Protein backbone atom coordinates (compact mmCIF):
# COMPACT_ATOMS: atom_id res chain seq x y z
CA MET A 1 77.69 151.37 117.72
CA ALA A 2 79.28 154.38 116.52
CA LYS A 3 77.42 156.37 114.13
CA ASP A 4 80.41 156.52 111.68
CA THR A 5 80.76 152.55 112.05
CA ARG A 6 80.78 150.77 108.65
CA TYR A 7 79.05 147.11 107.92
CA VAL A 8 78.83 144.27 105.50
CA VAL A 9 76.12 141.79 105.57
CA GLY A 10 76.67 138.01 105.21
CA ILE A 11 73.11 136.07 104.23
CA ASP A 12 73.41 132.38 105.09
CA SER A 13 70.95 130.86 103.04
CA SER A 14 71.03 127.35 104.57
CA THR A 15 68.67 124.10 104.59
CA GLN A 16 66.67 125.48 107.23
CA SER A 17 66.67 128.96 107.73
CA VAL A 18 67.91 132.17 106.06
CA LYS A 19 70.38 134.33 108.57
CA ALA A 20 71.60 137.66 107.74
CA ILE A 21 74.17 139.05 109.73
CA ALA A 22 75.88 142.75 109.65
CA TRP A 23 79.12 142.40 110.46
CA THR A 24 81.92 145.21 111.81
CA ARG A 25 85.55 145.24 110.62
CA ASP A 26 86.72 143.29 113.34
CA GLY A 27 84.32 140.44 112.55
CA MET A 28 81.87 141.40 115.71
CA PRO A 29 78.25 141.11 114.60
CA ALA A 30 76.18 144.01 114.97
CA ALA A 31 72.49 143.09 113.89
CA GLU A 32 70.78 140.08 112.61
CA GLY A 33 67.53 138.85 110.93
CA ARG A 34 66.25 135.07 110.54
CA ALA A 35 63.67 133.46 109.03
CA PRO A 36 62.65 129.58 108.62
CA LEU A 37 62.54 127.36 105.53
CA ASP A 38 60.25 124.84 105.17
CA ILE A 39 61.33 120.96 103.96
CA SER A 40 58.80 118.97 101.91
CA LEU A 41 59.39 114.96 101.30
CA PRO A 42 56.38 114.46 99.07
CA ARG A 43 57.36 110.71 98.49
CA PRO A 44 60.23 108.37 99.80
CA LEU A 45 63.84 109.64 98.54
CA HIS A 46 62.55 112.78 97.27
CA ALA A 47 63.56 116.38 99.35
CA GLU A 48 62.37 119.61 97.86
CA GLN A 49 61.71 123.33 98.68
CA ASP A 50 59.78 125.77 97.45
CA ALA A 51 62.54 128.33 95.97
CA ASP A 52 60.21 131.42 96.40
CA GLN A 53 60.32 130.71 100.07
CA TRP A 54 64.32 131.15 99.52
CA TRP A 55 63.46 135.02 98.84
CA VAL A 56 60.51 135.43 101.20
CA ALA A 57 62.91 134.50 104.02
CA THR A 58 66.03 136.17 102.73
CA ARG A 59 63.76 139.68 102.46
CA THR A 60 62.51 139.00 105.96
CA ALA A 61 66.00 138.42 107.44
CA LEU A 62 67.09 141.53 105.50
CA LYS A 63 64.80 143.89 106.86
CA ALA A 64 65.69 142.74 110.44
CA VAL A 65 68.79 144.10 109.63
CA THR A 66 68.18 147.23 107.63
CA ALA A 67 65.94 148.26 110.76
CA ALA A 68 68.80 147.93 113.20
CA ILE A 69 71.51 149.61 111.35
CA ASP A 70 71.43 152.46 109.00
CA PRO A 71 71.40 150.91 105.31
CA ALA A 72 73.97 153.48 104.09
CA SER A 73 76.20 152.33 106.44
CA ILE A 74 76.48 148.80 104.72
CA ASP A 75 79.47 148.74 102.35
CA GLY A 76 78.58 145.48 100.71
CA VAL A 77 76.60 141.86 100.91
CA ALA A 78 77.49 138.68 100.14
CA ILE A 79 75.57 134.81 99.95
CA SER A 80 76.39 131.63 101.62
CA ASN A 81 74.11 129.32 100.18
CA GLN A 82 73.06 125.53 101.03
CA ARG A 83 75.16 123.65 98.26
CA GLU A 84 73.83 120.67 95.88
CA THR A 85 70.27 122.24 95.96
CA MET A 86 69.15 123.59 92.67
CA VAL A 87 65.91 124.89 90.88
CA LEU A 88 65.20 125.22 87.50
CA VAL A 89 63.71 128.86 86.29
CA ASP A 90 61.95 130.52 83.48
CA GLU A 91 63.03 133.95 81.97
CA GLN A 92 61.37 135.47 84.86
CA ASN A 93 62.90 133.95 87.63
CA ARG A 94 59.97 131.80 88.36
CA PRO A 95 60.42 128.43 89.47
CA LEU A 96 59.41 125.68 86.66
CA ALA A 97 59.33 123.00 89.65
CA PRO A 98 60.16 122.51 93.23
CA ALA A 99 63.66 123.17 93.89
CA THR A 100 65.57 119.82 94.76
CA LEU A 101 67.66 119.50 97.76
CA TRP A 102 71.08 118.27 98.66
CA LEU A 103 69.16 115.65 101.16
CA ASP A 104 67.10 114.59 97.55
CA ARG A 105 68.24 110.87 96.67
CA ARG A 106 65.87 109.92 93.73
CA ALA A 107 68.62 109.60 91.58
CA GLN A 108 70.40 106.75 92.93
CA ALA A 109 70.12 104.78 90.09
CA MET A 110 71.94 107.11 88.09
CA THR A 111 75.21 106.93 89.86
CA GLN A 112 75.80 103.48 88.57
CA GLU A 113 74.57 104.60 85.11
CA LEU A 114 76.79 107.55 84.70
CA SER A 115 79.92 105.57 86.04
CA ASP A 116 79.14 102.95 83.48
CA VAL A 117 79.51 105.92 80.47
CA PHE A 118 82.20 107.74 81.82
CA GLY A 119 84.11 105.64 84.61
CA ALA A 120 83.86 106.32 88.15
CA GLU A 121 87.64 107.59 88.00
CA THR A 122 86.71 110.20 85.39
CA LEU A 123 83.79 111.30 87.07
CA HIS A 124 86.05 111.63 90.35
CA GLY A 125 88.67 113.43 88.59
CA ILE A 126 86.32 115.92 86.87
CA SER A 127 84.46 117.14 89.57
CA GLY A 128 86.61 116.15 92.78
CA LYS A 129 83.60 113.98 94.14
CA PRO A 130 83.78 110.37 94.29
CA VAL A 131 80.54 108.79 92.75
CA GLY A 132 77.47 109.25 95.19
CA VAL A 133 74.08 110.61 94.88
CA ILE A 134 74.15 113.64 96.48
CA PRO A 135 75.88 116.28 93.61
CA CYS A 136 73.32 117.36 91.26
CA LEU A 137 74.68 115.73 88.33
CA TYR A 138 72.96 112.77 88.98
CA ARG A 139 69.49 114.25 89.74
CA LEU A 140 70.05 116.15 86.29
CA ALA A 141 70.76 112.79 84.84
CA HIS A 142 67.30 111.74 86.32
CA MET A 143 65.55 114.52 85.18
CA ARG A 144 66.77 113.89 81.43
CA ARG A 145 65.61 110.37 81.97
CA HIS A 146 62.24 110.96 83.25
CA THR A 147 61.19 114.63 82.79
CA PRO A 148 63.62 115.77 79.67
CA GLU A 149 60.46 118.46 78.63
CA LEU A 150 61.20 120.32 82.04
CA LEU A 151 64.96 120.25 81.72
CA ASP A 152 64.56 121.38 78.07
CA LYS A 153 62.40 124.39 79.06
CA ALA A 154 64.60 125.71 82.02
CA HIS A 155 65.86 129.04 81.20
CA LEU A 156 68.52 128.76 83.50
CA ILE A 157 69.51 126.04 86.26
CA LEU A 158 70.63 127.69 89.43
CA ASP A 159 71.82 126.94 92.70
CA VAL A 160 70.35 129.23 95.78
CA ASN A 161 72.96 131.96 95.33
CA GLY A 162 72.45 132.44 91.74
CA PHE A 163 68.42 132.43 92.69
CA LEU A 164 69.03 135.10 95.34
CA LEU A 165 71.13 137.24 93.17
CA ARG A 166 68.53 137.39 90.39
CA HIS A 167 66.10 138.59 92.79
CA LEU A 168 68.65 141.45 94.20
CA THR A 169 70.62 142.40 91.14
CA GLY A 170 68.45 141.23 88.13
CA THR A 171 71.38 139.19 87.10
CA SER A 172 72.38 135.63 87.76
CA HIS A 173 76.22 134.46 88.55
CA ALA A 174 77.45 131.12 90.09
CA THR A 175 80.75 131.47 91.66
CA TRP A 176 83.34 128.76 91.92
CA THR A 177 82.32 127.52 95.10
CA SER A 178 78.76 127.37 94.48
CA ALA A 179 79.20 125.72 91.27
CA ASP A 180 81.70 123.38 92.15
CA PRO A 181 79.37 121.04 94.63
CA PHE A 182 77.31 120.65 91.23
CA GLY A 183 79.19 117.97 90.11
CA ILE A 184 79.37 119.13 86.59
CA PHE A 185 81.94 121.70 87.14
CA ASP A 186 85.48 121.01 86.30
CA ILE A 187 87.58 121.80 89.31
CA ARG A 188 90.75 122.18 87.57
CA GLU A 189 89.47 124.25 84.74
CA LYS A 190 87.06 126.01 86.69
CA SER A 191 84.35 125.98 84.21
CA TRP A 192 81.14 123.86 83.69
CA SER A 193 82.16 120.70 82.09
CA ARG A 194 81.45 120.43 78.35
CA PRO A 195 81.35 116.52 78.10
CA LEU A 196 78.84 116.41 81.26
CA LEU A 197 76.86 119.08 79.50
CA ASP A 198 77.05 117.28 76.39
CA HIS A 199 75.84 114.08 77.75
CA LEU A 200 72.85 115.78 79.99
CA LYS A 201 72.07 117.71 76.79
CA ILE A 202 72.38 120.97 78.74
CA ARG A 203 73.17 124.16 76.62
CA LYS A 204 76.03 126.06 78.35
CA ASN A 205 73.46 129.15 77.99
CA GLN A 206 71.29 127.16 80.65
CA LEU A 207 73.92 127.49 83.24
CA PRO A 208 74.95 131.27 84.79
CA ASP A 209 78.32 132.71 84.01
CA VAL A 210 80.99 131.59 86.85
CA LEU A 211 82.90 134.14 88.92
CA ALA A 212 85.99 134.07 90.98
CA PRO A 213 85.13 134.21 94.88
CA GLY A 214 85.22 137.98 95.86
CA ARG A 215 84.58 139.40 92.41
CA GLN A 216 81.63 141.74 92.34
CA ALA A 217 78.45 140.07 91.15
CA GLY A 218 76.08 143.33 90.94
CA THR A 219 74.30 145.64 92.66
CA ILE A 220 71.11 145.96 94.64
CA HIS A 221 68.55 147.22 92.37
CA ALA A 222 65.50 149.58 93.17
CA SER A 223 62.97 146.94 93.40
CA ALA A 224 64.78 144.90 95.55
CA ALA A 225 66.11 147.81 97.98
CA ALA A 226 62.20 148.65 98.38
CA GLU A 227 61.52 144.72 99.59
CA THR A 228 64.85 144.48 101.85
CA GLY A 229 65.30 147.81 103.03
CA LEU A 230 69.11 147.79 101.79
CA ARG A 231 70.23 150.93 99.95
CA GLU A 232 69.87 150.68 96.05
CA GLY A 233 73.29 150.51 94.40
CA THR A 234 74.99 148.33 97.33
CA PRO A 235 77.15 145.76 95.80
CA ILE A 236 77.14 142.11 96.28
CA PHE A 237 79.92 140.11 96.06
CA ALA A 238 80.63 136.58 95.10
CA ALA A 239 80.52 134.17 97.94
CA GLY A 240 79.27 130.51 97.64
CA GLY A 241 78.70 127.16 99.28
CA ASP A 242 78.16 127.27 103.04
CA GLY A 243 80.75 124.78 103.80
CA HIS A 244 83.25 126.70 101.95
CA CYS A 245 82.33 129.90 103.52
CA ALA A 246 82.29 128.11 107.22
CA SER A 247 86.07 127.08 106.45
CA LEU A 248 86.82 130.63 105.41
CA GLY A 249 84.89 131.96 108.62
CA VAL A 250 87.31 130.07 110.91
CA ASN A 251 90.33 131.14 109.23
CA ALA A 252 90.80 127.48 107.98
CA VAL A 253 92.20 127.98 104.51
CA ARG A 254 95.73 127.77 105.23
CA PRO A 255 98.37 124.88 105.37
CA GLY A 256 98.22 122.80 108.50
CA ILE A 257 94.70 124.06 109.75
CA VAL A 258 92.08 121.29 110.10
CA TYR A 259 88.53 122.87 110.19
CA LEU A 260 85.82 120.71 112.32
CA ASN A 261 82.11 121.76 112.27
CA LEU A 262 80.40 119.10 114.83
CA GLY A 263 76.94 119.80 113.93
CA THR A 264 74.00 117.91 112.55
CA ALA A 265 76.77 116.54 110.16
CA VAL A 266 80.60 116.33 111.00
CA VAL A 267 81.88 118.30 108.19
CA SER A 268 86.05 118.71 108.11
CA GLY A 269 88.11 120.40 105.79
CA VAL A 270 91.95 120.65 105.03
CA TRP A 271 93.31 123.17 102.58
CA ALA A 272 95.72 121.52 99.66
CA ALA A 273 97.74 123.26 96.81
CA GLN A 274 96.88 120.30 94.55
CA PRO A 275 93.67 118.70 93.79
CA GLU A 276 94.55 115.63 95.73
CA LEU A 277 91.65 113.00 95.29
CA SER A 278 90.68 110.11 97.74
CA ARG A 279 87.28 108.33 98.65
CA PHE A 280 87.86 110.10 102.42
CA TRP A 281 87.00 113.19 101.17
CA ARG A 282 85.37 115.29 98.38
CA THR A 283 88.11 117.75 96.45
CA LEU A 284 86.45 121.20 96.45
CA ILE A 285 87.66 124.51 94.99
CA SER A 286 89.21 126.59 98.04
CA PRO A 287 87.22 129.24 99.20
CA THR A 288 89.96 131.74 98.30
CA GLY A 289 90.05 130.39 95.00
CA GLU A 290 93.59 129.24 95.25
CA GLY A 291 94.31 125.69 95.98
CA TYR A 292 91.73 122.96 97.15
CA LEU A 293 89.83 121.95 100.30
CA LEU A 294 89.83 118.40 101.19
CA GLU A 295 86.38 118.11 102.95
CA SER A 296 85.26 115.29 104.87
CA CYS A 297 81.64 114.74 105.86
CA GLN A 298 79.46 112.49 107.88
CA ARG A 299 75.77 112.75 107.36
CA SER A 300 75.09 111.50 111.21
CA GLY A 301 76.86 113.63 113.74
CA ALA A 302 74.97 115.27 116.29
CA PHE A 303 72.07 114.05 114.46
CA PHE A 304 72.84 110.44 115.54
CA LEU A 305 73.79 111.44 119.13
CA ASN A 306 70.42 112.98 119.22
CA TRP A 307 68.48 110.06 117.70
CA PHE A 308 70.12 107.61 120.47
CA ILE A 309 69.16 109.83 123.38
CA ASP A 310 65.52 110.42 121.84
CA ASN A 311 65.25 106.47 121.57
CA PHE A 312 67.55 105.10 124.08
CA ALA A 313 68.27 107.40 126.89
CA GLY A 314 64.97 109.04 127.93
CA GLY A 315 64.97 111.87 125.55
CA ARG A 316 66.23 115.35 125.39
CA SER A 317 63.33 116.95 127.39
CA ASP A 318 65.74 116.77 130.57
CA GLN A 319 68.45 119.36 129.62
CA ARG A 320 70.60 118.06 131.51
CA VAL A 321 71.01 114.62 129.83
CA PHE A 322 73.75 115.27 127.68
CA ALA A 323 75.95 116.80 130.88
CA LYS A 324 75.06 113.72 132.95
CA LEU A 325 76.06 111.07 130.29
CA ASP A 326 78.97 113.25 129.23
CA GLU A 327 80.21 113.08 132.86
CA ALA A 328 79.74 109.33 133.25
CA ALA A 329 81.55 108.63 129.60
CA ALA A 330 84.51 110.48 130.89
CA SER A 331 85.10 107.96 133.54
CA ILE A 332 85.05 105.17 131.16
CA PRO A 333 88.19 104.11 129.36
CA VAL A 334 89.14 104.48 125.53
CA GLY A 335 87.27 101.73 123.88
CA SER A 336 83.83 101.88 125.96
CA ASP A 337 84.98 98.38 127.54
CA GLY A 338 84.23 96.63 124.29
CA VAL A 339 81.44 98.05 122.97
CA SER A 340 81.46 99.33 119.22
CA VAL A 341 79.08 101.43 117.29
CA CYS A 342 78.91 102.17 113.24
CA SER A 343 77.23 105.63 113.31
CA TYR A 344 75.90 105.24 109.35
CA LEU A 345 72.25 106.07 110.59
CA VAL A 346 71.35 107.63 107.07
CA GLY A 347 73.98 105.63 104.50
CA CYS A 348 77.62 106.59 104.48
CA MET A 349 79.72 109.26 102.57
CA ASP A 350 83.49 108.96 102.86
CA PRO A 351 84.92 106.77 102.83
CA HIS A 352 82.39 104.19 101.69
CA TRP A 353 79.69 106.13 99.81
CA ASP A 354 77.28 103.51 100.30
CA GLU A 355 73.58 104.26 100.82
CA ASP A 356 72.61 101.36 102.32
CA ALA A 357 74.93 101.55 105.05
CA ARG A 358 73.33 101.37 108.50
CA ALA A 359 74.17 102.08 112.17
CA THR A 360 75.03 99.09 114.40
CA PHE A 361 75.69 98.60 118.24
CA THR A 362 78.18 95.37 119.26
CA GLY A 363 79.96 94.16 121.69
CA MET A 364 77.46 94.70 124.73
CA ALA A 365 77.50 92.99 127.75
CA PRO A 366 75.37 92.77 131.28
CA GLU A 367 77.78 95.49 132.70
CA HIS A 368 77.17 97.72 130.34
CA THR A 369 75.29 100.84 130.88
CA THR A 370 73.57 103.64 128.70
CA ALA A 371 76.69 105.63 128.96
CA HIS A 372 79.13 102.96 127.66
CA ILE A 373 77.05 103.08 124.49
CA TYR A 374 76.83 106.65 124.41
CA ARG A 375 80.73 106.99 124.80
CA ALA A 376 80.75 104.29 122.06
CA CYS A 377 78.70 106.46 119.75
CA LEU A 378 81.29 109.74 120.10
CA GLU A 379 83.92 107.21 119.65
CA ALA A 380 82.76 105.88 116.25
CA ILE A 381 82.01 109.69 114.90
CA THR A 382 85.24 110.68 116.29
CA LEU A 383 87.50 107.91 114.63
CA GLU A 384 85.64 108.31 111.36
CA PHE A 385 87.12 112.06 111.45
CA ALA A 386 90.69 110.93 112.78
CA ARG A 387 91.36 108.13 109.87
CA SER A 388 89.91 110.69 107.35
CA LEU A 389 92.90 112.59 109.01
CA VAL A 390 95.44 109.77 108.44
CA ALA A 391 94.37 109.67 104.88
CA VAL A 392 95.44 113.44 104.83
CA ARG A 393 98.51 112.72 106.49
CA ASP A 394 99.23 110.10 103.52
CA LYS A 395 99.11 112.61 101.45
CA ARG A 396 101.97 114.38 102.74
CA LEU A 397 99.78 117.33 103.69
CA ALA A 398 100.53 119.07 107.42
CA THR A 399 97.48 118.55 110.34
CA GLU A 400 98.79 120.86 113.10
CA ARG A 401 95.58 122.27 114.70
CA ILE A 402 92.25 121.56 114.71
CA LEU A 403 89.47 124.44 114.93
CA ALA A 404 86.31 123.01 116.17
CA ILE A 405 82.82 124.61 115.82
CA GLY A 406 79.24 123.81 115.83
CA GLY A 407 77.10 122.50 118.95
CA GLY A 408 79.37 119.88 119.60
CA ALA A 409 82.10 121.88 120.16
CA SER A 410 80.94 123.28 123.35
CA ASN A 411 81.24 119.49 124.58
CA PRO A 412 84.85 119.33 126.60
CA VAL A 413 84.49 115.71 126.73
CA TRP A 414 84.17 115.39 123.00
CA LEU A 415 86.85 117.58 122.21
CA LYS A 416 89.25 115.77 124.40
CA MET A 417 88.51 112.59 122.59
CA ILE A 418 89.08 114.36 119.31
CA ALA A 419 92.56 115.75 120.56
CA ASP A 420 93.44 112.22 121.97
CA SER A 421 92.47 110.12 119.06
CA THR A 422 94.17 112.46 116.40
CA SER A 423 97.10 113.54 118.36
CA ILE A 424 96.66 117.08 117.08
CA PRO A 425 95.67 120.06 119.92
CA VAL A 426 92.04 121.18 119.27
CA THR A 427 91.40 125.04 119.35
CA LEU A 428 87.68 126.38 119.87
CA SER A 429 86.48 128.68 116.98
CA LEU A 430 84.29 131.64 118.31
CA SER A 431 83.00 131.61 115.02
CA ASN A 432 79.56 130.56 115.76
CA GLU A 433 77.94 131.53 112.83
CA ALA A 434 80.92 130.77 110.48
CA SER A 435 79.26 130.57 107.04
CA ALA A 436 77.68 133.78 107.52
CA LEU A 437 80.84 135.57 108.76
CA GLY A 438 82.39 133.67 105.70
CA ALA A 439 80.33 135.62 103.50
CA GLY A 440 80.81 138.52 105.46
CA ILE A 441 84.69 138.35 104.78
CA TYR A 442 84.18 138.27 100.98
CA ALA A 443 82.10 141.24 101.37
CA ALA A 444 84.78 142.77 103.60
CA VAL A 445 87.48 142.24 100.64
CA GLY A 446 85.21 143.37 97.93
CA ALA A 447 84.65 146.70 99.55
CA GLY A 448 88.16 147.29 100.17
CA TRP A 449 88.41 146.74 103.93
CA TYR A 450 91.04 144.36 103.54
CA GLN A 451 93.58 143.48 100.79
CA SER A 452 92.84 139.75 100.23
CA LEU A 453 90.62 137.18 101.86
CA GLN A 454 93.62 135.85 103.66
CA THR A 455 94.12 139.25 105.75
CA ALA A 456 90.38 139.63 106.26
CA ALA A 457 90.08 136.02 107.87
CA GLU A 458 92.75 136.76 110.40
CA GLY A 459 91.10 139.99 110.86
CA MET A 460 87.53 139.04 111.56
CA THR A 461 87.81 135.45 113.27
CA ARG A 462 88.56 134.49 116.83
CA THR A 463 89.51 131.50 119.00
CA ALA A 464 89.51 130.61 122.81
CA GLY A 465 91.39 127.96 124.24
CA GLU A 466 93.34 125.05 123.10
CA ILE A 467 93.11 121.42 124.26
CA GLU A 468 96.42 119.46 124.11
CA PRO A 469 96.09 115.65 122.95
CA ASP A 470 97.13 113.09 125.84
CA LEU A 471 99.99 111.21 123.56
CA SER A 472 99.88 108.43 125.97
CA THR A 473 96.52 107.20 124.98
CA ALA A 474 97.65 107.19 121.42
CA SER A 475 98.16 103.56 120.73
CA ALA A 476 94.84 102.53 122.64
CA TRP A 477 93.03 104.92 120.19
CA ALA A 478 94.99 103.31 117.16
CA ALA A 479 93.86 100.14 118.37
CA LEU A 480 90.12 100.99 119.11
CA SER A 481 90.23 102.57 115.23
CA ALA A 482 91.43 99.27 113.84
CA ARG A 483 88.51 97.43 115.76
CA GLN A 484 85.51 100.00 115.25
CA ALA A 485 86.52 100.34 111.53
CA ARG A 486 86.07 96.52 110.97
CA VAL A 487 82.38 96.89 112.35
CA TYR A 488 81.03 98.19 108.91
CA ALA A 489 82.70 95.62 106.62
CA ALA A 490 81.28 92.79 109.36
CA ASN A 491 77.77 94.49 108.84
CA ARG A 492 77.98 94.63 105.08
CA MET A 493 78.63 90.98 105.03
CA LEU A 494 75.24 90.22 106.70
CA VAL A 495 72.88 92.20 104.31
């Protein structure tokens, strides 16, 4: 790199690691640091982390970056954070208890209780989220019921973003897109919901002030500079939830573009001008702050495929196992010769919002092979996504192109299934670290490199190749979707 090259740093504090990446003006990574995070499962339904480890890992990641490039060349920093994760802290930013993760399901009983109090439609309308256990709202209600003294003692209730900001700058802020997933944020008013806070008996000053995306959130103070290698006074800009940042990091914040992350979970998003509501998605504030993001999520994406391989196809120790199965699956017709799979291995978010949903395999006969079942697994995940796009189009929203990222995006067989089943071209995004890049885009705009988030996203993201759909298979995919969608309902009748 030239000595006068300038950088921004995007920090991605996700569920299992913290990554810090220095980006150039054209969106190329110049230096990076990583550190792992531990997850604690102390009892059934509980998923926790030591919030102090977030800071230790962030320091480690940033030190690696500042050791590789001159800290004086860094024009700004922004943070992408794991969503629906929270920690209660005292005045010195010390955690009062372990942080509860988005994976935590201890508050299952509170979903029905809050629905009875407010009405499920009212909760959906305020937060944009169908009633489900993941938003912090339900864990806060659980705390109010079971550990009220902890909730009353909390000086602040923070997301990962706010906790790290307090370490880096000495002050805490939430952003529209980090507060949004909590479920206690009014997505229309863009403020904490007074009715929900009153019910939870949470004081408004127990929650941080909320900034619009891209606003300056503070500057690196002296002690944080000493611990991270960043220059004191380096500005930090408001970013937000990792899913929000990822959609910005692939430039999917414009009409007609569908963002699709084929990762451990399969997450997709479509931009909308208005807060359209449906059980097929969660309605989020757009990463740009203008409009909304309609986000569908399957918890069992690549996680389900890996589980199947590990338990029924010899395991992943054979590095060619996926290539072999993909080659065999590609020669099997749409519908896997009658095999159907329901992929709800760890419950279902959209469209059923059923924590008790389970995976099933049906329709097998002696002539079926492992490849048939594997292909049916891919078809099931693909069709869940395809049906969410049908619901999007029912709202008269355009779906013109799919931008795919994540580990699954390296699988051409899967990408072809997605294109054919949706009748939409699929483009591979080269933004492999989309959340960290999205954070970098916020910092680039805050630092004055670009005039808007839209122009920054255009300048800092890249794509490669496009897979066109085979429209002659559309009727076969539609018939399969109708059949495969019935598997869940049939299984629920048996339990």
